[in-house]
């Protein structure tokens, strides 16, 4: 499955990445590549928790 993500660099140089259709799903990394790899894991974990809690997996904006 593919999910949309947003990526930006903060004031300290870290890359912040968020999956806007999964509430609270975000990660970071020192490089863009690291941040994008980290969000893949975060998405998997967020979806797992949402399944366990019987919450909708995503939201549509």
N, C-alpha and C. Protein backbone atom coordinates (compact mmCIF):
# COMPACT_ATOMS: atom_id res chain seq x y z
N UNK A 1 0.83 -1.17 0.00
CA UNK A 1 0.00 0.00 0.00
C UNK A 1 0.87 1.24 0.00
N UNK A 2 0.43 2.26 -0.68
CA UNK A 2 1.14 3.54 -0.68
C UNK A 2 0.35 4.56 0.12
N UNK A 3 1.06 5.35 0.90
CA UNK A 3 0.44 6.39 1.71
C UNK A 3 1.13 7.71 1.40
N UNK A 4 0.35 8.81 1.39
CA UNK A 4 0.98 10.11 1.17
C UNK A 4 1.75 10.54 2.41
N UNK A 5 2.85 11.21 2.21
CA UNK A 5 3.61 11.76 3.34
C UNK A 5 4.03 13.19 3.01
N UNK A 6 4.26 13.96 4.05
CA UNK A 6 4.83 15.29 3.90
C UNK A 6 6.19 15.28 4.58
N UNK A 7 7.14 15.97 4.00
CA UNK A 7 8.51 15.98 4.49
C UNK A 7 9.00 17.42 4.53
N UNK A 8 9.57 17.81 5.65
CA UNK A 8 10.17 19.15 5.75
C UNK A 8 11.34 19.11 6.72
N UNK A 9 12.19 20.11 6.63
CA UNK A 9 13.34 20.21 7.50
C UNK A 9 13.07 21.25 8.58
N UNK A 10 13.33 20.88 9.84
CA UNK A 10 13.08 21.82 10.93
C UNK A 10 14.28 22.77 11.13
N UNK A 11 14.17 23.65 12.11
CA UNK A 11 15.18 24.67 12.36
C UNK A 11 16.54 24.08 12.73
N UNK A 12 16.53 22.89 13.31
CA UNK A 12 17.77 22.25 13.75
C UNK A 12 18.37 21.33 12.69
N UNK A 13 17.73 21.25 11.52
CA UNK A 13 18.27 20.45 10.43
C UNK A 13 17.71 19.05 10.31
N UNK A 14 16.87 18.63 11.24
CA UNK A 14 16.25 17.30 11.17
C UNK A 14 15.14 17.32 10.12
N UNK A 15 14.93 16.17 9.49
CA UNK A 15 13.83 16.02 8.54
C UNK A 15 12.65 15.39 9.27
N UNK A 16 11.52 16.04 9.19
CA UNK A 16 10.29 15.58 9.83
C UNK A 16 9.39 15.08 8.72
N UNK A 17 8.80 13.91 8.94
CA UNK A 17 7.92 13.32 7.94
C UNK A 17 6.64 12.86 8.63
N UNK A 18 5.52 13.13 7.98
CA UNK A 18 4.21 12.82 8.55
C UNK A 18 3.33 12.17 7.49
N UNK A 19 2.52 11.23 7.94
CA UNK A 19 1.51 10.64 7.07
C UNK A 19 0.17 11.28 7.47
N UNK A 20 -0.29 12.26 6.69
CA UNK A 20 -1.44 13.06 7.11
C UNK A 20 -2.77 12.31 7.19
N UNK A 21 -2.87 11.12 6.57
CA UNK A 21 -4.15 10.41 6.64
C UNK A 21 -4.22 9.41 7.79
N UNK A 22 -3.12 9.31 8.57
CA UNK A 22 -3.12 8.47 9.77
C UNK A 22 -2.85 9.40 10.96
N UNK A 23 -3.84 9.66 11.79
CA UNK A 23 -3.67 10.60 12.89
C UNK A 23 -2.48 10.24 13.78
N UNK A 24 -1.64 11.23 14.03
CA UNK A 24 -0.51 11.07 14.93
C UNK A 24 0.67 10.30 14.37
N UNK A 25 0.65 9.99 13.09
CA UNK A 25 1.71 9.18 12.48
C UNK A 25 2.80 10.09 11.91
N UNK A 26 3.92 10.18 12.64
CA UNK A 26 5.03 10.98 12.16
C UNK A 26 6.34 10.40 12.64
N UNK A 27 7.41 10.82 12.02
CA UNK A 27 8.75 10.36 12.38
C UNK A 27 9.74 11.42 11.96
N UNK A 28 11.01 11.11 12.11
CA UNK A 28 12.07 12.06 11.77
C UNK A 28 13.34 11.32 11.41
N UNK A 29 14.30 12.05 10.90
CA UNK A 29 15.61 11.48 10.60
C UNK A 29 16.60 12.59 10.33
N UNK A 30 17.88 12.23 10.41
CA UNK A 30 18.92 13.22 10.15
C UNK A 30 19.05 13.52 8.66
N UNK A 31 18.62 12.58 7.81
CA UNK A 31 18.62 12.77 6.37
C UNK A 31 17.22 12.50 5.84
N UNK A 32 16.95 12.93 4.61
CA UNK A 32 15.65 12.65 4.01
C UNK A 32 15.44 11.14 3.90
N UNK A 33 16.48 10.44 3.49
CA UNK A 33 16.37 8.99 3.32
C UNK A 33 16.04 8.30 4.64
N UNK A 34 16.71 8.72 5.72
CA UNK A 34 16.46 8.13 7.03
C UNK A 34 15.03 8.42 7.48
N UNK A 35 14.59 9.65 7.29
CA UNK A 35 13.22 10.02 7.69
C UNK A 35 12.19 9.21 6.91
N UNK A 36 12.40 9.04 5.62
CA UNK A 36 11.45 8.28 4.80
C UNK A 36 11.45 6.80 5.19
N UNK A 37 12.60 6.25 5.54
CA UNK A 37 12.65 4.87 6.01
C UNK A 37 11.92 4.75 7.35
N UNK A 38 12.14 5.72 8.23
CA UNK A 38 11.51 5.69 9.55
C UNK A 38 9.99 5.80 9.47
N UNK A 39 9.47 6.58 8.52
CA UNK A 39 8.01 6.72 8.43
C UNK A 39 7.37 5.42 7.99
N UNK A 40 8.07 4.61 7.22
CA UNK A 40 7.51 3.31 6.83
C UNK A 40 7.24 2.46 8.06
N UNK A 41 8.19 2.44 8.99
CA UNK A 41 8.00 1.69 10.23
C UNK A 41 6.88 2.32 11.07
N UNK A 42 6.86 3.64 11.13
CA UNK A 42 5.84 4.33 11.91
C UNK A 42 4.44 4.04 11.36
N UNK A 43 4.30 4.01 10.04
CA UNK A 43 3.01 3.71 9.43
C UNK A 43 2.56 2.30 9.82
N UNK A 44 3.47 1.34 9.71
CA UNK A 44 3.13 -0.04 10.09
C UNK A 44 2.67 -0.12 11.54
N UNK A 45 3.41 0.55 12.44
CA UNK A 45 3.06 0.51 13.86
C UNK A 45 1.74 1.23 14.15
N UNK A 46 1.53 2.38 13.52
CA UNK A 46 0.29 3.12 13.72
C UNK A 46 -0.92 2.31 13.25
N UNK A 47 -0.78 1.68 12.10
CA UNK A 47 -1.89 0.86 11.59
C UNK A 47 -2.16 -0.33 12.50
N UNK A 48 -1.11 -0.94 13.02
CA UNK A 48 -1.27 -2.07 13.94
C UNK A 48 -2.04 -1.65 15.20
N UNK A 49 -1.65 -0.53 15.77
CA UNK A 49 -2.32 -0.03 16.98
C UNK A 49 -3.77 0.32 16.68
N UNK A 50 -4.02 0.97 15.55
CA UNK A 50 -5.39 1.36 15.20
C UNK A 50 -6.26 0.12 14.99
N UNK A 51 -5.70 -0.95 14.40
CA UNK A 51 -6.45 -2.20 14.24
C UNK A 51 -6.80 -2.79 15.60
N UNK A 52 -5.80 -2.83 16.49
CA UNK A 52 -6.00 -3.40 17.83
C UNK A 52 -7.07 -2.65 18.60
N UNK A 53 -7.13 -1.34 18.42
CA UNK A 53 -8.12 -0.52 19.14
C UNK A 53 -9.42 -0.35 18.38
N UNK A 54 -9.53 -1.05 17.26
CA UNK A 54 -10.73 -1.00 16.41
C UNK A 54 -11.08 0.43 16.00
N UNK A 55 -10.04 1.18 15.63
CA UNK A 55 -10.21 2.55 15.14
C UNK A 55 -10.14 2.53 13.61
N UNK A 56 -10.71 3.52 12.95
CA UNK A 56 -10.53 3.60 11.50
C UNK A 56 -9.04 3.70 11.19
N UNK A 57 -8.60 3.01 10.15
CA UNK A 57 -7.17 2.98 9.85
C UNK A 57 -6.67 4.31 9.33
N UNK A 58 -7.48 5.00 8.53
CA UNK A 58 -7.08 6.28 7.96
C UNK A 58 -8.25 7.24 8.03
N UNK A 59 -7.93 8.51 7.81
CA UNK A 59 -8.97 9.52 7.65
C UNK A 59 -8.85 10.09 6.26
N UNK A 60 -9.93 10.51 5.71
CA UNK A 60 -9.94 11.14 4.40
C UNK A 60 -10.16 12.62 4.60
N UNK A 61 -9.26 13.43 4.05
CA UNK A 61 -9.40 14.89 4.21
C UNK A 61 -10.05 15.46 2.99
